[in-house]
Amino acid sequence: MHWRWNWTGKGFLWVWLLGVVGFAPVVALAQQDGGTRPMRATSVHTLVGGRVRIQFTDAFRGYLRRAHVAYDTVGASAADGDAVTLPVADGLLDLASGRGTAVWRGGLALETPKADVELRGFRLDTVGKLPLVWATLVTEGELDRTVPLFTATLPSEQLPLRLIGGRVTTLRNVELRLTAEGALLLNQLSEREIFSSNQMVGLVNLIAIVE
């Protein structure tokens, strides 16, 4: 038996339909696997450098003096008059919202009535519901615990953040206040009831290098 196809009639139509139906899933899979799909634009950048400057308020420094707590810088951090600067080690930053994470190098050495301790591994995290600055307490040369020291309030009038030269951005006047855990820690170290939750600590200015 021999099949004859009428290429100008129904036979050609069926072959054409089978070809289209069979080819369509292959095209769909190829597009789903990536290859040709355009990448979605993002305002999230990786922090690769920079520095933060913490300017303590006169009132907070007065509380430290009353509590007989003296501070100095350790590691890569440095004193800058009444302020402290710490290099930025790593993190993420969303230019549109100002939210992100940032790890700061260096830290603070505290001389207190109870013990001499260090606050190291500062980490700003504004991704969560409550923006916080965390730090790890080092007591007598050993890791003690990590505590949320400060709340951080971002100034919305500076958003969205802009890149300078395509690599640098700034965020000014981030307000720091003591958390309940931070106030408790300082009261324990000073052995006095001087510090309280929501107490103003100072302002942070950030200069970040991104990629």
N, C-alpha and C. Protein backbone atom coordinates (compact mmCIF):
# COMPACT_ATOMS: atom_id res chain seq x y z
N MET A 1 0.86 -1.19 0.00
CA MET A 1 0.00 0.00 0.00
C MET A 1 0.89 1.23 0.00
N HIS A 2 0.57 2.20 -0.76
CA HIS A 2 1.36 3.43 -0.86
C HIS A 2 0.50 4.60 -0.43
N TRP A 3 1.16 5.46 0.40
CA TRP A 3 0.47 6.67 0.82
C TRP A 3 0.78 7.80 -0.15
N ARG A 4 -0.23 8.50 -0.51
CA ARG A 4 -0.04 9.69 -1.33
C ARG A 4 -0.50 10.92 -0.54
N TRP A 5 0.37 11.92 -0.53
CA TRP A 5 0.05 13.16 0.15
C TRP A 5 -0.28 14.23 -0.85
N ASN A 6 -1.35 14.88 -0.57
CA ASN A 6 -1.70 16.03 -1.40
C ASN A 6 -1.16 17.27 -0.70
N TRP A 7 0.01 17.74 -1.11
CA TRP A 7 0.69 18.83 -0.41
C TRP A 7 -0.03 20.16 -0.51
N THR A 8 -1.00 20.19 -1.34
CA THR A 8 -1.78 21.43 -1.45
C THR A 8 -3.10 21.34 -0.72
N GLY A 9 -3.33 20.19 -0.03
CA GLY A 9 -4.63 20.00 0.62
C GLY A 9 -4.48 19.71 2.10
N LYS A 10 -5.31 18.75 2.58
CA LYS A 10 -5.38 18.47 4.00
C LYS A 10 -4.10 17.83 4.53
N GLY A 11 -3.41 17.03 3.69
CA GLY A 11 -2.18 16.39 4.16
C GLY A 11 -1.15 17.40 4.58
N PHE A 12 -0.96 18.41 3.80
CA PHE A 12 0.02 19.45 4.14
C PHE A 12 -0.39 20.20 5.40
N LEU A 13 -1.69 20.45 5.57
CA LEU A 13 -2.18 21.17 6.75
C LEU A 13 -1.87 20.41 8.02
N TRP A 14 -2.08 19.06 8.01
CA TRP A 14 -1.80 18.25 9.20
C TRP A 14 -0.32 18.22 9.52
N VAL A 15 0.53 18.07 8.55
CA VAL A 15 1.97 18.07 8.80
C VAL A 15 2.40 19.40 9.41
N TRP A 16 1.86 20.50 8.87
CA TRP A 16 2.24 21.82 9.38
C TRP A 16 1.81 22.01 10.84
N LEU A 17 0.57 21.54 11.16
CA LEU A 17 0.07 21.66 12.54
C LEU A 17 0.90 20.83 13.50
N LEU A 18 1.24 19.58 13.12
CA LEU A 18 2.06 18.72 13.99
C LEU A 18 3.42 19.36 14.25
N GLY A 19 3.99 19.96 13.23
CA GLY A 19 5.28 20.60 13.40
C GLY A 19 5.21 21.76 14.37
N VAL A 20 4.17 22.58 14.25
CA VAL A 20 4.03 23.73 15.14
C VAL A 20 3.79 23.30 16.57
N VAL A 21 2.89 22.32 16.77
CA VAL A 21 2.57 21.85 18.12
C VAL A 21 3.79 21.21 18.77
N GLY A 22 4.55 20.44 18.00
CA GLY A 22 5.73 19.78 18.58
C GLY A 22 6.85 20.75 18.88
N PHE A 23 6.95 21.83 18.09
CA PHE A 23 8.04 22.78 18.25
C PHE A 23 7.79 23.76 19.39
N ALA A 24 6.50 24.07 19.64
CA ALA A 24 6.16 25.09 20.64
C ALA A 24 6.68 24.76 22.02
N PRO A 25 6.52 23.50 22.55
CA PRO A 25 7.04 23.23 23.89
C PRO A 25 8.54 23.38 23.97
N VAL A 26 9.25 23.04 22.89
CA VAL A 26 10.70 23.17 22.91
C VAL A 26 11.10 24.63 23.06
N VAL A 27 10.40 25.51 22.33
CA VAL A 27 10.67 26.93 22.45
C VAL A 27 10.37 27.43 23.85
N ALA A 28 9.22 27.00 24.41
CA ALA A 28 8.83 27.42 25.76
C ALA A 28 9.86 27.00 26.78
N LEU A 29 10.36 25.73 26.66
CA LEU A 29 11.36 25.26 27.61
C LEU A 29 12.65 26.03 27.49
N ALA A 30 13.04 26.32 26.26
CA ALA A 30 14.28 27.06 26.06
C ALA A 30 14.19 28.44 26.70
N GLN A 31 13.01 29.10 26.57
CA GLN A 31 12.85 30.41 27.19
C GLN A 31 12.82 30.31 28.70
N GLN A 32 12.20 29.25 29.23
CA GLN A 32 12.12 29.09 30.68
C GLN A 32 13.48 28.84 31.29
N ASP A 33 14.36 28.16 30.56
CA ASP A 33 15.68 27.85 31.08
C ASP A 33 16.63 29.04 31.04
N GLY A 34 16.16 30.13 30.58
CA GLY A 34 17.00 31.28 30.62
C GLY A 34 17.59 31.64 29.30
N GLY A 35 18.48 31.60 28.93
CA GLY A 35 19.05 31.91 27.64
C GLY A 35 18.73 33.29 27.15
N THR A 36 17.49 33.48 26.77
CA THR A 36 17.10 34.71 26.06
C THR A 36 16.24 35.65 26.89
N ARG A 37 15.88 35.26 28.13
CA ARG A 37 15.01 36.14 28.91
C ARG A 37 15.80 37.34 29.42
N PRO A 38 15.22 38.55 29.38
CA PRO A 38 15.93 39.73 29.89
C PRO A 38 16.03 39.67 31.41
N MET A 39 17.18 40.11 31.96
CA MET A 39 17.37 40.11 33.41
C MET A 39 16.59 41.26 34.03
N ARG A 40 16.04 41.01 35.20
CA ARG A 40 15.26 42.02 35.89
C ARG A 40 16.18 43.05 36.53
N ALA A 41 15.86 44.31 36.35
CA ALA A 41 16.67 45.38 36.92
C ALA A 41 16.57 45.34 38.45
N THR A 42 17.67 45.66 39.14
CA THR A 42 17.67 45.62 40.59
C THR A 42 18.37 46.85 41.13
N SER A 43 17.96 47.30 42.31
CA SER A 43 18.63 48.41 42.98
C SER A 43 19.46 47.91 44.15
N VAL A 44 19.61 46.59 44.30
CA VAL A 44 20.38 45.99 45.39
C VAL A 44 21.84 45.85 44.95
N HIS A 45 22.74 46.38 45.76
CA HIS A 45 24.17 46.34 45.44
C HIS A 45 24.94 45.72 46.60
N THR A 46 26.09 45.14 46.29
CA THR A 46 26.98 44.57 47.30
C THR A 46 27.94 45.64 47.80
N LEU A 47 28.10 45.73 49.11
CA LEU A 47 29.05 46.67 49.70
C LEU A 47 30.44 46.03 49.67
N VAL A 48 31.41 46.74 49.15
CA VAL A 48 32.77 46.21 49.08
C VAL A 48 33.76 47.11 49.81
N GLY A 49 33.29 48.17 50.42
CA GLY A 49 34.18 49.07 51.15
C GLY A 49 33.43 50.28 51.66
N GLY A 50 34.18 51.22 52.23
CA GLY A 50 33.59 52.43 52.78
C GLY A 50 33.86 52.56 54.26
N ARG A 51 33.12 53.45 54.90
CA ARG A 51 33.28 53.63 56.34
C ARG A 51 32.01 54.21 56.94
N VAL A 52 31.86 53.99 58.24
CA VAL A 52 30.78 54.62 58.99
C VAL A 52 31.40 55.51 60.07
N ARG A 53 30.71 56.57 60.35
CA ARG A 53 31.16 57.50 61.39
C ARG A 53 30.02 57.65 62.39
N ILE A 54 30.29 57.27 63.64
CA ILE A 54 29.30 57.38 64.71
C ILE A 54 29.63 58.62 65.54
N GLN A 55 28.72 59.59 65.50
CA GLN A 55 28.89 60.80 66.30
C GLN A 55 28.00 60.68 67.54
N PHE A 56 28.62 60.47 68.70
CA PHE A 56 27.86 60.35 69.95
C PHE A 56 27.35 61.73 70.37
N THR A 57 26.16 61.75 70.94
CA THR A 57 25.61 63.01 71.44
C THR A 57 26.33 63.41 72.72
N ASP A 58 26.29 64.71 73.02
CA ASP A 58 26.88 65.20 74.27
C ASP A 58 26.21 64.55 75.48
N ALA A 59 24.88 64.38 75.39
CA ALA A 59 24.14 63.79 76.51
C ALA A 59 24.58 62.35 76.75
N PHE A 60 24.76 61.56 75.69
CA PHE A 60 25.15 60.17 75.87
C PHE A 60 26.57 60.07 76.44
N ARG A 61 27.47 60.92 75.97
CA ARG A 61 28.82 60.91 76.53
C ARG A 61 28.79 61.33 78.00
N GLY A 62 27.85 62.21 78.36
CA GLY A 62 27.69 62.58 79.76
C GLY A 62 27.22 61.40 80.61
N TYR A 63 26.30 60.60 80.07
CA TYR A 63 25.85 59.40 80.78
C TYR A 63 27.01 58.42 80.98
N LEU A 64 27.85 58.27 79.97
CA LEU A 64 29.01 57.38 80.09
C LEU A 64 29.95 57.84 81.21
N ARG A 65 30.19 59.16 81.29
CA ARG A 65 31.05 59.68 82.35
C ARG A 65 30.44 59.43 83.72
N ARG A 66 29.14 59.67 83.86
CA ARG A 66 28.48 59.42 85.15
C ARG A 66 28.54 57.95 85.54
N ALA A 67 28.52 57.08 84.54
CA ALA A 67 28.57 55.64 84.80
C ALA A 67 30.00 55.14 84.95
N HIS A 68 30.99 56.06 84.83
CA HIS A 68 32.42 55.69 84.92
C HIS A 68 32.78 54.66 83.85
N VAL A 69 32.25 54.89 82.65
CA VAL A 69 32.55 54.03 81.50
C VAL A 69 33.37 54.84 80.50
N ALA A 70 34.58 54.36 80.22
CA ALA A 70 35.45 55.00 79.23
C ALA A 70 35.55 54.09 78.02
N TYR A 71 35.65 54.68 76.84
CA TYR A 71 35.74 53.87 75.63
C TYR A 71 36.95 54.26 74.80
N ASP A 72 37.43 53.29 74.05
CA ASP A 72 38.52 53.50 73.11
C ASP A 72 38.24 52.62 71.89
N THR A 73 38.99 52.82 70.83
CA THR A 73 38.77 52.03 69.63
C THR A 73 39.73 50.83 69.61
N VAL A 74 39.31 49.78 68.91
CA VAL A 74 40.15 48.60 68.74
C VAL A 74 40.15 48.19 67.27
N GLY A 75 41.18 47.46 66.89
CA GLY A 75 41.24 46.96 65.53
C GLY A 75 41.31 48.07 64.50
N ALA A 76 40.50 47.95 63.45
CA ALA A 76 40.56 48.88 62.33
C ALA A 76 39.80 50.16 62.58
N SER A 77 39.09 50.27 63.68
CA SER A 77 38.33 51.50 63.97
C SER A 77 39.29 52.58 64.48
N ALA A 78 38.81 53.83 64.46
CA ALA A 78 39.66 54.94 64.88
C ALA A 78 38.81 56.03 65.50
N ALA A 79 39.41 56.74 66.46
CA ALA A 79 38.74 57.87 67.08
C ALA A 79 38.86 59.08 66.17
N ASP A 80 37.78 59.88 66.13
CA ASP A 80 37.74 61.08 65.30
C ASP A 80 37.09 62.18 66.12
N GLY A 81 37.87 62.77 67.03
CA GLY A 81 37.31 63.74 67.97
C GLY A 81 36.35 63.04 68.92
N ASP A 82 35.11 63.50 68.95
CA ASP A 82 34.08 62.87 69.79
C ASP A 82 33.36 61.75 69.04
N ALA A 83 33.84 61.41 67.86
CA ALA A 83 33.21 60.38 67.04
C ALA A 83 34.13 59.18 66.89
N VAL A 84 33.58 58.11 66.32
CA VAL A 84 34.34 56.89 66.04
C VAL A 84 34.06 56.50 64.60
N THR A 85 35.10 56.12 63.87
CA THR A 85 34.92 55.64 62.50
C THR A 85 35.29 54.17 62.43
N LEU A 86 34.51 53.42 61.63
CA LEU A 86 34.75 51.99 61.44
C LEU A 86 34.65 51.67 59.95
N PRO A 87 35.60 50.92 59.40
CA PRO A 87 35.52 50.55 57.99
C PRO A 87 34.37 49.58 57.73
N VAL A 88 33.80 49.67 56.54
CA VAL A 88 32.75 48.73 56.11
C VAL A 88 33.43 47.52 55.48
N ALA A 89 33.09 46.33 55.95
CA ALA A 89 33.71 45.11 55.45
C ALA A 89 32.89 44.43 54.36
N ASP A 90 31.58 44.42 54.52
CA ASP A 90 30.73 43.64 53.62
C ASP A 90 29.29 44.06 53.84
N GLY A 91 28.41 43.65 52.93
CA GLY A 91 27.00 43.90 53.14
C GLY A 91 26.24 44.03 51.83
N LEU A 92 24.96 44.37 51.98
CA LEU A 92 24.07 44.60 50.85
C LEU A 92 23.31 45.89 51.09
N LEU A 93 23.01 46.61 50.01
CA LEU A 93 22.29 47.87 50.15
C LEU A 93 21.31 48.02 49.00
N ASP A 94 20.05 48.29 49.35
CA ASP A 94 19.01 48.58 48.38
C ASP A 94 18.92 50.10 48.23
N LEU A 95 19.32 50.60 47.09
CA LEU A 95 19.34 52.05 46.89
C LEU A 95 17.95 52.66 46.93
N ALA A 96 16.95 51.90 46.51
CA ALA A 96 15.59 52.43 46.45
C ALA A 96 15.01 52.68 47.84
N SER A 97 15.19 51.70 48.73
CA SER A 97 14.58 51.79 50.07
C SER A 97 15.54 52.19 51.17
N GLY A 98 16.86 52.10 50.91
CA GLY A 98 17.85 52.37 51.94
C GLY A 98 18.06 51.22 52.90
N ARG A 99 17.30 50.14 52.73
CA ARG A 99 17.45 48.98 53.61
C ARG A 99 18.65 48.15 53.21
N GLY A 100 19.17 47.38 54.16
CA GLY A 100 20.30 46.53 53.82
C GLY A 100 20.99 46.01 55.07
N THR A 101 22.17 45.44 54.85
CA THR A 101 23.01 44.95 55.94
C THR A 101 24.42 45.47 55.72
N ALA A 102 25.13 45.71 56.81
CA ALA A 102 26.52 46.17 56.70
C ALA A 102 27.30 45.66 57.91
N VAL A 103 28.43 45.03 57.63
CA VAL A 103 29.33 44.56 58.68
C VAL A 103 30.46 45.57 58.81
N TRP A 104 30.72 46.00 60.04
CA TRP A 104 31.76 46.99 60.29
C TRP A 104 32.95 46.33 60.96
N ARG A 105 34.14 46.69 60.52
CA ARG A 105 35.36 46.17 61.12
C ARG A 105 35.75 47.00 62.34
N GLY A 106 36.59 46.39 63.19
CA GLY A 106 37.02 47.10 64.39
C GLY A 106 36.01 46.97 65.51
N GLY A 107 35.99 47.95 66.39
CA GLY A 107 35.05 47.90 67.50
C GLY A 107 35.43 48.89 68.59
N LEU A 108 34.85 48.69 69.76
CA LEU A 108 35.07 49.57 70.91
C LEU A 108 35.55 48.76 72.11
N ALA A 109 36.50 49.31 72.82
CA ALA A 109 36.94 48.75 74.10
C ALA A 109 36.33 49.60 75.21
N LEU A 110 35.64 48.95 76.13
CA LEU A 110 34.99 49.65 77.23
C LEU A 110 35.68 49.33 78.55
N GLU A 111 36.08 50.37 79.27
CA GLU A 111 36.62 50.21 80.63
C GLU A 111 35.49 50.57 81.59
N THR A 112 34.97 49.58 82.31
CA THR A 112 33.79 49.79 83.16
C THR A 112 34.08 49.35 84.59
N PRO A 113 33.25 49.77 85.56
CA PRO A 113 33.46 49.35 86.95
C PRO A 113 33.44 47.83 87.14
N LYS A 114 32.67 47.12 86.33
CA LYS A 114 32.54 45.67 86.52
C LYS A 114 33.63 44.89 85.81
N ALA A 115 33.95 45.27 84.56
CA ALA A 115 34.93 44.53 83.78
C ALA A 115 35.34 45.35 82.57
N ASP A 116 36.51 45.01 82.04
CA ASP A 116 36.95 45.61 80.79
C ASP A 116 36.52 44.67 79.66
N VAL A 117 35.74 45.20 78.74
CA VAL A 117 35.17 44.37 77.68
C VAL A 117 35.40 45.04 76.33
N GLU A 118 35.08 44.30 75.28
CA GLU A 118 35.12 44.85 73.93
C GLU A 118 33.80 44.56 73.23
N LEU A 119 33.40 45.49 72.38
CA LEU A 119 32.26 45.29 71.50
C LEU A 119 32.81 45.20 70.09
N ARG A 120 32.68 44.01 69.48
CA ARG A 120 33.26 43.76 68.16
C ARG A 120 32.17 43.27 67.20
N GLY A 121 32.56 43.15 65.94
CA GLY A 121 31.65 42.58 64.94
C GLY A 121 30.34 43.33 64.80
N PHE A 122 30.41 44.65 64.76
CA PHE A 122 29.18 45.44 64.60
C PHE A 122 28.51 45.09 63.27
N ARG A 123 27.20 44.96 63.32
CA ARG A 123 26.44 44.63 62.10
C ARG A 123 25.13 45.41 62.09
N LEU A 124 24.98 46.25 61.08
CA LEU A 124 23.74 47.00 60.88
C LEU A 124 22.81 46.16 60.02
N ASP A 125 21.60 45.94 60.49
CA ASP A 125 20.61 45.15 59.74
C ASP A 125 19.29 45.92 59.73
N THR A 126 18.97 46.50 58.57
CA THR A 126 17.72 47.25 58.45
C THR A 126 16.73 46.53 57.54
N VAL A 127 16.97 45.24 57.29
CA VAL A 127 16.07 44.45 56.45
C VAL A 127 14.84 44.01 57.24
N GLY A 128 15.04 43.68 58.49
CA GLY A 128 13.95 43.19 59.32
C GLY A 128 12.95 44.27 59.68
N LYS A 129 11.92 43.87 60.41
CA LYS A 129 10.85 44.78 60.80
C LYS A 129 11.38 45.91 61.67
N LEU A 130 12.34 45.58 62.57
CA LEU A 130 12.95 46.57 63.44
C LEU A 130 14.43 46.71 63.08
N PRO A 131 14.83 47.83 62.46
CA PRO A 131 16.24 48.02 62.11
C PRO A 131 17.11 48.07 63.36
N LEU A 132 18.19 47.29 63.36
CA LEU A 132 19.02 47.14 64.55
C LEU A 132 20.50 47.18 64.21
N VAL A 133 21.30 47.58 65.21
CA VAL A 133 22.75 47.42 65.16
C VAL A 133 23.12 46.39 66.22
N TRP A 134 23.73 45.29 65.77
CA TRP A 134 24.14 44.21 66.65
C TRP A 134 25.64 44.31 66.92
N ALA A 135 26.07 43.78 68.06
CA ALA A 135 27.51 43.71 68.37
C ALA A 135 27.76 42.49 69.24
N THR A 136 28.97 41.96 69.13
CA THR A 136 29.36 40.80 69.93
C THR A 136 30.21 41.27 71.11
N LEU A 137 29.82 40.83 72.30
CA LEU A 137 30.54 41.19 73.53
C LEU A 137 31.69 40.21 73.75
N VAL A 138 32.89 40.76 73.93
CA VAL A 138 34.08 39.96 74.24
C VAL A 138 34.50 40.29 75.66
N THR A 139 34.48 39.29 76.54
CA THR A 139 34.81 39.47 77.96
C THR A 139 36.02 38.64 78.30
N GLU A 140 37.05 39.32 78.84
CA GLU A 140 38.30 38.64 79.22
C GLU A 140 38.85 37.79 78.08
N GLY A 141 38.78 38.35 76.88
CA GLY A 141 39.36 37.69 75.72
C GLY A 141 38.55 36.55 75.14
N GLU A 142 37.33 36.34 75.66
CA GLU A 142 36.49 35.25 75.15
C GLU A 142 35.15 35.80 74.66
N LEU A 143 34.63 35.15 73.62
CA LEU A 143 33.32 35.54 73.10
C LEU A 143 32.25 35.29 74.15
N ASP A 144 31.46 36.29 74.43
CA ASP A 144 30.41 36.18 75.44
C ASP A 144 29.05 35.97 74.78
N ARG A 145 28.52 37.00 74.14
CA ARG A 145 27.22 36.90 73.47
C ARG A 145 27.06 38.05 72.49
N THR A 146 26.11 37.89 71.59
CA THR A 146 25.79 38.93 70.62
C THR A 146 24.46 39.57 71.02
N VAL A 147 24.45 40.88 71.07
CA VAL A 147 23.26 41.59 71.55
C VAL A 147 22.86 42.68 70.55
N PRO A 148 21.55 42.96 70.45
CA PRO A 148 21.09 44.11 69.66
C PRO A 148 21.28 45.38 70.50
N LEU A 149 22.30 46.16 70.17
CA LEU A 149 22.64 47.33 70.99
C LEU A 149 21.74 48.53 70.73
N PHE A 150 21.56 48.84 69.44
CA PHE A 150 20.88 50.07 69.07
C PHE A 150 19.76 49.80 68.07
N THR A 151 18.73 50.64 68.11
CA THR A 151 17.80 50.72 67.00
C THR A 151 18.34 51.76 66.02
N ALA A 152 17.99 51.62 64.75
CA ALA A 152 18.47 52.54 63.73
C ALA A 152 17.27 53.09 62.96
N THR A 153 17.18 54.41 62.86
CA THR A 153 16.10 55.06 62.12
C THR A 153 16.67 55.70 60.88
N LEU A 154 16.19 55.25 59.71
CA LEU A 154 16.70 55.75 58.44
C LEU A 154 15.96 57.03 58.04
N PRO A 155 16.66 58.04 57.57
CA PRO A 155 16.02 59.27 57.10
C PRO A 155 15.42 59.07 55.71
N SER A 156 14.11 59.08 55.60
CA SER A 156 13.45 58.77 54.33
C SER A 156 13.62 59.87 53.28
N GLU A 157 13.92 61.09 53.71
CA GLU A 157 14.01 62.19 52.73
C GLU A 157 15.21 62.04 51.80
N GLN A 158 16.15 61.14 52.12
CA GLN A 158 17.32 60.95 51.26
C GLN A 158 17.10 59.86 50.21
N LEU A 159 15.94 59.23 50.23
CA LEU A 159 15.68 58.11 49.33
C LEU A 159 15.01 58.58 48.05
N PRO A 160 15.29 57.89 46.92
CA PRO A 160 16.23 56.79 46.78
C PRO A 160 17.68 57.28 46.82
N LEU A 161 18.58 56.43 47.28
CA LEU A 161 19.99 56.79 47.32
C LEU A 161 20.55 56.84 45.90
N ARG A 162 21.49 57.72 45.68
CA ARG A 162 22.08 57.88 44.36
C ARG A 162 23.55 57.47 44.37
N LEU A 163 24.00 56.96 43.25
CA LEU A 163 25.40 56.58 43.11
C LEU A 163 26.20 57.76 42.56
N ILE A 164 27.37 57.96 43.15
CA ILE A 164 28.30 58.98 42.70
C ILE A 164 29.41 58.27 41.93
N GLY A 165 29.51 58.59 40.64
CA GLY A 165 30.51 57.93 39.82
C GLY A 165 30.24 56.46 39.61
N GLY A 166 29.00 56.04 39.87
CA GLY A 166 28.63 54.65 39.65
C GLY A 166 29.09 53.67 40.70
N ARG A 167 29.81 54.14 41.75
CA ARG A 167 30.37 53.20 42.73
C ARG A 167 30.17 53.62 44.18
N VAL A 168 29.88 54.88 44.44
CA VAL A 168 29.86 55.39 45.82
C VAL A 168 28.49 55.97 46.14
N THR A 169 28.00 55.69 47.35
CA THR A 169 26.76 56.30 47.81
C THR A 169 26.92 56.69 49.27
N THR A 170 26.07 57.57 49.74
CA THR A 170 26.14 58.05 51.12
C THR A 170 24.76 57.98 51.77
N LEU A 171 24.76 57.78 53.07
CA LEU A 171 23.54 57.81 53.87
C LEU A 171 23.86 58.56 55.15
N ARG A 172 23.18 59.67 55.39
CA ARG A 172 23.53 60.55 56.49
C ARG A 172 22.46 60.56 57.58
N ASN A 173 22.93 60.83 58.79
CA ASN A 173 22.05 61.07 59.94
C ASN A 173 21.12 59.91 60.24
N VAL A 174 21.68 58.70 60.26
CA VAL A 174 20.93 57.53 60.74
C VAL A 174 20.93 57.59 62.27
N GLU A 175 19.76 57.66 62.84
CA GLU A 175 19.63 57.88 64.30
C GLU A 175 19.76 56.57 65.06
N LEU A 176 20.66 56.55 66.05
CA LEU A 176 20.85 55.39 66.92
C LEU A 176 20.28 55.66 68.30
N ARG A 177 19.52 54.67 68.82
CA ARG A 177 19.00 54.73 70.18
C ARG A 177 19.24 53.39 70.86
N LEU A 178 19.41 53.42 72.16
CA LEU A 178 19.64 52.19 72.91
C LEU A 178 18.41 51.28 72.86
N THR A 179 18.64 50.00 72.67
CA THR A 179 17.58 49.02 72.85
C THR A 179 17.46 48.68 74.34
N ALA A 180 16.45 47.93 74.71
CA ALA A 180 16.34 47.47 76.10
C ALA A 180 17.52 46.60 76.47
N GLU A 181 17.97 45.75 75.51
CA GLU A 181 19.12 44.87 75.77
C GLU A 181 20.42 45.68 75.90
N GLY A 182 20.55 46.72 75.07
CA GLY A 182 21.74 47.56 75.15
C GLY A 182 21.81 48.34 76.45
N ALA A 183 20.68 48.88 76.88
CA ALA A 183 20.63 49.62 78.14
C ALA A 183 20.93 48.70 79.32
N LEU A 184 20.38 47.48 79.29
CA LEU A 184 20.63 46.52 80.36
C LEU A 184 22.10 46.16 80.44
N LEU A 185 22.74 45.96 79.31
CA LEU A 185 24.16 45.62 79.29
C LEU A 185 25.00 46.73 79.90
N LEU A 186 24.75 47.97 79.50
CA LEU A 186 25.54 49.07 80.04
C LEU A 186 25.28 49.28 81.53
N ASN A 187 24.06 49.08 81.97
CA ASN A 187 23.76 49.19 83.40
C ASN A 187 24.46 48.09 84.20
N GLN A 188 24.51 46.88 83.63
CA GLN A 188 25.21 45.79 84.31
C GLN A 188 26.71 46.06 84.41
N LEU A 189 27.28 46.58 83.31
CA LEU A 189 28.72 46.84 83.32
C LEU A 189 29.09 48.01 84.23
N SER A 190 28.21 49.01 84.31
CA SER A 190 28.50 50.17 85.16
C SER A 190 28.05 49.96 86.60
N GLU A 191 27.24 48.90 86.80
CA GLU A 191 26.69 48.60 88.14
C GLU A 191 25.88 49.77 88.67
N ARG A 192 25.20 50.46 87.74
CA ARG A 192 24.33 51.57 88.10
C ARG A 192 23.14 51.58 87.16
N GLU A 193 22.05 52.23 87.56
CA GLU A 193 20.86 52.33 86.72
C GLU A 193 20.82 53.72 86.07
N ILE A 194 21.59 53.87 85.01
CA ILE A 194 21.71 55.16 84.34
C ILE A 194 21.11 55.13 82.94
N PHE A 195 21.26 54.02 82.26
CA PHE A 195 20.86 53.93 80.86
C PHE A 195 19.46 53.34 80.75
N SER A 196 18.74 53.76 79.71
CA SER A 196 17.37 53.30 79.53
C SER A 196 17.09 53.05 78.04
N SER A 197 16.09 52.24 77.78
CA SER A 197 15.68 51.94 76.41
C SER A 197 15.22 53.21 75.70
N ASN A 198 15.55 53.33 74.43
CA ASN A 198 15.17 54.45 73.57
C ASN A 198 15.99 55.70 73.85
N GLN A 199 17.04 55.58 74.66
CA GLN A 199 17.93 56.71 74.93
C GLN A 199 18.74 57.03 73.68
N MET A 200 18.79 58.31 73.33
CA MET A 200 19.52 58.74 72.14
C MET A 200 21.02 58.50 72.32
N VAL A 201 21.64 57.86 71.32
CA VAL A 201 23.08 57.56 71.36
C VAL A 201 23.85 58.50 70.45
N GLY A 202 23.38 58.65 69.21
CA GLY A 202 24.09 59.50 68.27
C GLY A 202 23.60 59.29 66.86
N LEU A 203 24.37 59.82 65.91
CA LEU A 203 24.04 59.74 64.50
C LEU A 203 25.14 59.03 63.73
N VAL A 204 24.73 58.27 62.72
CA VAL A 204 25.68 57.55 61.87
C VAL A 204 25.64 58.13 60.47
N ASN A 205 26.82 58.37 59.92
CA ASN A 205 26.97 58.74 58.52
C ASN A 205 27.72 57.62 57.82
N LEU A 206 27.18 57.18 56.69
CA LEU A 206 27.76 56.06 55.94
C LEU A 206 28.23 56.51 54.57
N ILE A 207 29.47 56.15 54.24
CA ILE A 207 29.99 56.28 52.88
C ILE A 207 30.29 54.87 52.42
N ALA A 208 29.61 54.41 51.37
CA ALA A 208 29.72 53.02 50.94
C ALA A 208 30.21 52.93 49.50
N ILE A 209 31.11 51.99 49.26
CA ILE A 209 31.56 51.65 47.91
C ILE A 209 30.83 50.37 47.52
N VAL A 210 30.17 50.38 46.38
CA VAL A 210 29.34 49.25 45.98
C VAL A 210 29.80 48.70 44.63
N GLU A 211 29.29 47.51 44.33
CA GLU A 211 29.52 46.94 43.00
C GLU A 211 28.23 46.32 42.51
